């Protein structure tokens, strides 16, 4: 592990599992999750958060506070920029309705930065910065759903500023998936594929899930993440988790399709079902 990630793990209480051989990693991760199996998929507090490895408490992980889903839904309707987000808002609300107690935004949100980059210069001027875009969206979504809202500052994250410490991304089939009481801090992204099955258009659900999964892999293997540490011997790994809404074989297939875009850097574990 390089010094950047070593310092991050020591500073945030994470346990280093980079030395676990790849062939044993699936079993190691399953052991962690089984420690608190009941609260894993049936959390007492249901929080929508970014899929970011540093966002604590989330049981549903989507890009930003659901803003990537909204944008993609609006884009599918032929809209662009901020209008795409607005037109996709009801789709995000439909997917998340009845499923959450609170919506969170967070400081330094990369997903919001991606969507901010899709806005025109004039549209960007409506917001002080990309985080402001996420805050605006999260507050509106929370109000629509009758949920609480919270913003997570950088000192409330379980990773350092500008450093992603994850070695894993859970591609989760259960509607809710809270790893806080099972896994070391900052160890994993969460992409909530199962919640997307509420969409009537199953092709769009799969495309959105894989877009988010690919984004997590880009971040994790980039210079703000593992960088050169993501190798064939010690890759960033996708962990498919079958659940009540989508079976494990489907998640394995989608995971392998995404991993194929990162040859030598990303691997797919066999996964398991909860």
Protein backbone atom coordinates (compact mmCIF):
# COMPACT_ATOMS: atom_id res chain seq x y z
CA UNK A 1 0.00 0.00 0.00
CA UNK A 2 1.35 3.46 -0.79
CA UNK A 3 1.86 6.02 1.97
CA UNK A 4 -1.23 8.01 0.99
CA UNK A 5 -3.56 5.06 1.53
CA UNK A 6 -1.63 3.75 4.54
CA UNK A 7 -2.06 7.11 6.29
CA UNK A 8 -5.73 7.17 5.35
CA UNK A 9 -6.40 3.76 6.89
CA UNK A 10 -4.48 4.57 10.06
CA UNK A 11 -6.21 7.94 10.39
CA UNK A 12 -9.72 6.65 9.86
CA UNK A 13 -9.55 3.39 11.77
CA UNK A 14 -9.78 1.18 8.70
CA UNK A 15 -8.40 -2.34 8.68
CA UNK A 16 -6.05 -3.14 5.84
CA UNK A 17 -7.24 -6.12 3.83
CA UNK A 18 -5.08 -5.32 0.81
CA UNK A 19 -2.88 -8.25 1.75
CA UNK A 20 -5.72 -10.79 1.58
CA UNK A 21 -5.12 -12.96 -1.52
CA UNK A 22 -7.75 -12.45 -4.22
CA UNK A 23 -8.88 -16.06 -4.05
CA UNK A 24 -9.69 -15.66 -0.35
CA UNK A 25 -11.23 -12.20 -0.52
CA UNK A 26 -14.80 -13.32 -1.26
CA UNK A 27 -14.87 -15.45 1.89
CA UNK A 28 -13.21 -12.70 3.96
CA UNK A 29 -15.78 -10.11 2.90
CA UNK A 30 -18.65 -12.51 3.56
CA UNK A 31 -17.31 -13.11 7.08
CA UNK A 32 -17.36 -9.37 7.72
CA UNK A 33 -20.92 -8.97 6.46
CA UNK A 34 -22.23 -11.91 8.45
CA UNK A 35 -21.21 -10.18 11.68
CA UNK A 36 -24.28 -7.91 11.49
CA UNK A 37 -26.39 -9.63 8.87
CA UNK A 38 -29.73 -8.42 10.21
CA UNK A 39 -28.93 -4.70 10.22
CA UNK A 40 -27.15 -5.00 6.87
CA UNK A 41 -30.33 -5.30 4.79
CA UNK A 42 -32.85 -4.07 7.38
CA UNK A 43 -31.23 -0.98 8.86
CA UNK A 44 -32.96 0.90 11.66
CA UNK A 45 -32.33 4.20 9.86
CA UNK A 46 -32.61 4.30 6.07
CA UNK A 47 -30.35 6.93 4.55
CA UNK A 48 -29.96 7.75 0.88
CA UNK A 49 -26.39 8.84 0.29
CA UNK A 50 -23.77 9.00 -2.40
CA UNK A 51 -22.11 5.73 -3.39
CA UNK A 52 -18.85 7.38 -2.23
CA UNK A 53 -16.67 5.23 0.04
CA UNK A 54 -16.53 8.04 2.59
CA UNK A 55 -20.27 8.59 3.16
CA UNK A 56 -21.24 7.01 6.49
CA UNK A 57 -24.63 5.60 7.41
CA UNK A 58 -26.10 5.10 3.95
CA UNK A 59 -28.26 2.09 3.22
CA UNK A 60 -28.95 3.20 -0.36
CA UNK A 61 -25.95 4.33 -2.38
CA UNK A 62 -26.53 6.19 -5.64
CA UNK A 63 -24.49 8.79 -7.50
CA UNK A 64 -24.80 11.89 -5.33
CA UNK A 65 -28.18 12.20 -3.61
CA UNK A 66 -29.82 10.43 -6.58
CA UNK A 67 -28.88 13.21 -8.99
CA UNK A 68 -27.16 10.90 -11.48
CA UNK A 69 -30.33 8.78 -11.74
CA UNK A 70 -32.40 11.94 -12.31
CA UNK A 71 -30.03 13.24 -14.98
CA UNK A 72 -29.93 9.93 -16.85
CA UNK A 73 -33.73 9.66 -16.71
CA UNK A 74 -34.08 13.18 -18.14
CA UNK A 75 -31.45 12.51 -20.78
CA UNK A 76 -33.41 9.43 -21.83
CA UNK A 77 -36.33 11.79 -22.48
CA UNK A 78 -34.14 13.83 -24.82
CA UNK A 79 -33.29 16.64 -22.40
CA UNK A 80 -29.86 18.07 -21.60
CA UNK A 81 -28.16 19.91 -18.74
CA UNK A 82 -30.20 21.14 -15.81
CA UNK A 83 -33.44 20.47 -17.68
CA UNK A 84 -32.52 16.78 -17.77
CA UNK A 85 -32.14 16.80 -13.97
CA UNK A 86 -35.49 18.57 -13.55
CA UNK A 87 -37.31 16.21 -15.92
CA UNK A 88 -35.78 13.17 -14.24
CA UNK A 89 -36.56 14.34 -10.72
CA UNK A 90 -39.88 12.49 -10.51
CA UNK A 91 -38.18 9.27 -11.64
CA UNK A 92 -35.73 9.51 -8.75
CA UNK A 93 -38.58 10.29 -6.34
CA UNK A 94 -40.55 7.30 -7.63
CA UNK A 95 -37.63 4.93 -7.09
CA UNK A 96 -36.89 6.22 -3.60
CA UNK A 97 -40.42 6.86 -2.34
CA UNK A 98 -41.25 4.93 0.82
CA UNK A 99 -37.67 3.62 1.07
CA UNK A 100 -35.80 6.27 3.05
CA UNK A 101 -35.88 8.26 6.26
CA UNK A 102 -33.33 10.87 5.17
CA UNK A 103 -31.44 12.21 2.15
CA UNK A 104 -27.82 13.33 2.40
CA UNK A 105 -25.49 15.41 0.28
CA UNK A 106 -21.77 15.62 1.03
CA UNK A 107 -18.82 17.92 0.60
CA UNK A 108 -16.58 17.18 -2.36
CA UNK A 109 -19.17 15.04 -4.18
CA UNK A 110 -17.63 13.71 -7.38
CA UNK A 111 -20.97 12.56 -8.76
CA UNK A 112 -22.38 16.07 -8.45
CA UNK A 113 -19.21 17.31 -10.13
CA UNK A 114 -19.92 15.02 -13.10
CA UNK A 115 -23.46 16.35 -13.48
CA UNK A 116 -22.27 19.93 -12.97
CA UNK A 117 -19.96 19.40 -15.93
CA UNK A 118 -22.97 18.53 -18.10
CA UNK A 119 -24.61 21.90 -17.40
CA UNK A 120 -24.21 24.88 -19.69
CA UNK A 121 -22.14 27.81 -18.49
CA UNK A 122 -25.31 29.80 -17.88
CA UNK A 123 -26.83 26.95 -15.88
CA UNK A 124 -23.69 26.56 -13.79
CA UNK A 125 -24.02 30.19 -12.72
CA UNK A 126 -27.19 29.26 -10.82
CA UNK A 127 -24.98 27.39 -8.34
CA UNK A 128 -21.97 28.52 -6.34
CA UNK A 129 -20.18 25.24 -7.10
CA UNK A 130 -20.95 21.60 -7.85
CA UNK A 131 -21.63 20.77 -4.19
CA UNK A 132 -24.29 23.49 -4.19
CA UNK A 133 -25.98 21.62 -7.03
CA UNK A 134 -26.09 18.46 -4.90
CA UNK A 135 -27.36 20.33 -1.85
CA UNK A 136 -30.15 21.95 -3.88
CA UNK A 137 -31.20 18.62 -5.36
CA UNK A 138 -31.02 16.73 -2.05
CA UNK A 139 -33.14 19.30 -0.23
CA UNK A 140 -35.78 19.22 -2.96
CA UNK A 141 -35.83 15.43 -2.98
CA UNK A 142 -36.10 15.23 0.81
CA UNK A 143 -39.02 17.67 0.74
CA UNK A 144 -40.76 15.71 -2.02
CA UNK A 145 -40.42 12.46 -0.07
CA UNK A 146 -41.19 13.91 3.37
CA UNK A 147 -37.75 12.79 4.55
CA UNK A 148 -35.12 14.52 6.68
CA UNK A 149 -32.13 16.19 5.04
CA UNK A 150 -28.49 16.28 6.15
CA UNK A 151 -25.26 17.55 4.66
CA UNK A 152 -22.05 15.71 5.48
CA UNK A 153 -18.97 17.98 5.70
CA UNK A 154 -15.53 16.61 4.90
CA UNK A 155 -14.68 16.12 8.57
CA UNK A 156 -17.76 13.88 8.84
CA UNK A 157 -16.58 11.59 6.06
CA UNK A 158 -14.85 8.25 6.68
CA UNK A 159 -12.08 9.06 4.22
CA UNK A 160 -9.67 11.98 3.88
CA UNK A 161 -10.26 14.90 1.55
CA UNK A 162 -9.41 14.13 -2.09
CA UNK A 163 -8.40 10.54 -1.27
CA UNK A 164 -10.56 7.49 -1.98
CA UNK A 165 -9.49 4.52 0.12
CA UNK A 166 -11.88 1.83 -1.19
CA UNK A 167 -10.71 -1.53 -2.45
CA UNK A 168 -14.24 -2.80 -3.09
CA UNK A 169 -17.52 -1.77 -4.59
CA UNK A 170 -20.64 -3.63 -3.58
CA UNK A 171 -23.05 -4.02 -6.51
CA UNK A 172 -26.00 -4.58 -4.25
CA UNK A 173 -29.20 -6.42 -5.12
CA UNK A 174 -30.99 -5.80 -1.78
CA UNK A 175 -33.04 -2.60 -1.62
CA UNK A 176 -31.19 -1.59 1.56
CA UNK A 177 -27.53 -2.34 2.24
CA UNK A 178 -25.78 -0.67 5.20
CA UNK A 179 -22.22 -1.92 5.78
CA UNK A 180 -21.36 0.51 8.60
CA UNK A 181 -21.43 -2.12 11.34
CA UNK A 182 -19.71 -4.81 9.26
CA UNK A 183 -16.84 -3.37 7.26
CA UNK A 184 -13.83 -1.17 8.07
CA UNK A 185 -14.41 2.52 7.41
CA UNK A 186 -13.77 3.81 3.90
CA UNK A 187 -13.28 0.35 2.41
CA UNK A 188 -16.11 0.20 -0.11
CA UNK A 189 -18.35 2.04 -2.51
CA UNK A 190 -21.99 0.93 -2.64
CA UNK A 191 -24.04 0.93 -5.83
CA UNK A 192 -27.66 0.09 -5.01
CA UNK A 193 -28.68 -1.85 -8.09
CA UNK A 194 -31.67 -3.49 -6.38
CA UNK A 195 -33.53 -0.23 -5.73
CA UNK A 196 -33.38 0.53 -9.47
CA UNK A 197 -35.59 -2.48 -10.16
CA UNK A 198 -38.52 -0.27 -9.15
CA UNK A 199 -38.10 1.32 -12.57
CA UNK A 200 -40.57 -0.02 -15.15
CA UNK A 201 -37.87 0.11 -17.84
CA UNK A 202 -35.56 -2.74 -16.85
CA UNK A 203 -33.07 -1.93 -19.60
CA UNK A 204 -32.71 1.58 -18.20
CA UNK A 205 -32.36 0.15 -14.69
CA UNK A 206 -29.46 -2.03 -15.81
CA UNK A 207 -27.82 0.78 -17.80
CA UNK A 208 -28.03 3.14 -14.82
CA UNK A 209 -26.61 0.54 -12.44
CA UNK A 210 -23.70 -0.20 -14.76
CA UNK A 211 -23.04 3.52 -15.34
CA UNK A 212 -22.74 4.04 -11.58
CA UNK A 213 -20.60 0.92 -11.20
CA UNK A 214 -18.26 2.04 -13.97
CA UNK A 215 -18.00 5.48 -12.36
CA UNK A 216 -17.02 3.89 -9.03
CA UNK A 217 -14.33 1.84 -10.79
CA UNK A 218 -12.96 4.93 -12.57
CA UNK A 219 -12.69 6.84 -9.30
CA UNK A 220 -11.22 3.94 -7.35
CA UNK A 221 -8.54 3.11 -9.92
CA UNK A 222 -7.72 6.75 -10.65
CA UNK A 223 -5.09 8.96 -9.08
CA UNK A 224 -7.39 9.98 -6.20
CA UNK A 225 -7.82 6.29 -5.38
CA UNK A 226 -5.65 3.22 -5.76
CA UNK A 227 -3.89 4.47 -8.86
CA UNK A 228 -0.99 2.16 -9.68
CA UNK A 229 -1.89 -0.13 -6.77
CA UNK A 230 -4.80 -1.54 -8.77
CA UNK A 231 -3.05 -4.40 -10.56
CA UNK A 232 -3.87 -7.92 -11.65
CA UNK A 233 -2.24 -9.20 -8.44
CA UNK A 234 -4.18 -6.80 -6.19
CA UNK A 235 -7.07 -5.32 -8.19
CA UNK A 236 -9.99 -3.16 -7.22
CA UNK A 237 -12.86 -5.62 -6.91
CA UNK A 238 -16.56 -5.63 -7.65
CA UNK A 239 -18.61 -7.69 -5.20
CA UNK A 240 -22.03 -8.67 -6.61
CA UNK A 241 -24.60 -9.18 -3.85
CA UNK A 242 -27.83 -10.88 -4.85
CA UNK A 243 -30.95 -9.77 -3.05
CA UNK A 244 -34.72 -9.70 -2.93
CA UNK A 245 -35.08 -7.66 -6.12
CA UNK A 246 -32.40 -8.98 -8.42
CA UNK A 247 -30.61 -12.35 -8.50
CA UNK A 248 -26.89 -12.88 -8.20
CA UNK A 249 -26.30 -14.22 -11.77
CA UNK A 250 -27.68 -11.00 -13.28
CA UNK A 251 -25.40 -8.89 -11.08
CA UNK A 252 -22.40 -11.09 -11.91
CA UNK A 253 -23.04 -10.64 -15.64
CA UNK A 254 -23.38 -6.86 -15.39
CA UNK A 255 -20.30 -6.66 -13.14
CA UNK A 256 -18.16 -8.59 -15.62
CA UNK A 257 -19.29 -6.32 -18.44
CA UNK A 258 -18.11 -3.27 -16.50
CA UNK A 259 -14.87 -4.90 -15.29
CA UNK A 260 -14.00 -5.70 -18.89
CA UNK A 261 -13.45 -1.98 -19.41
CA UNK A 262 -10.65 -2.03 -16.83
CA UNK A 263 -8.41 -4.94 -17.88
CA UNK A 264 -5.74 -5.71 -15.30
CA UNK A 265 -7.14 -3.23 -12.78
CA UNK A 266 -10.61 -4.50 -11.80
CA UNK A 267 -11.78 -8.02 -10.97
CA UNK A 268 -15.19 -9.47 -10.12
CA UNK A 269 -15.60 -11.72 -7.09
CA UNK A 270 -18.09 -14.56 -7.11
CA UNK A 271 -20.24 -12.66 -4.64
CA UNK A 272 -23.10 -14.06 -2.55
CA UNK A 273 -26.77 -13.53 -1.76
CA UNK A 274 -28.43 -11.87 1.24
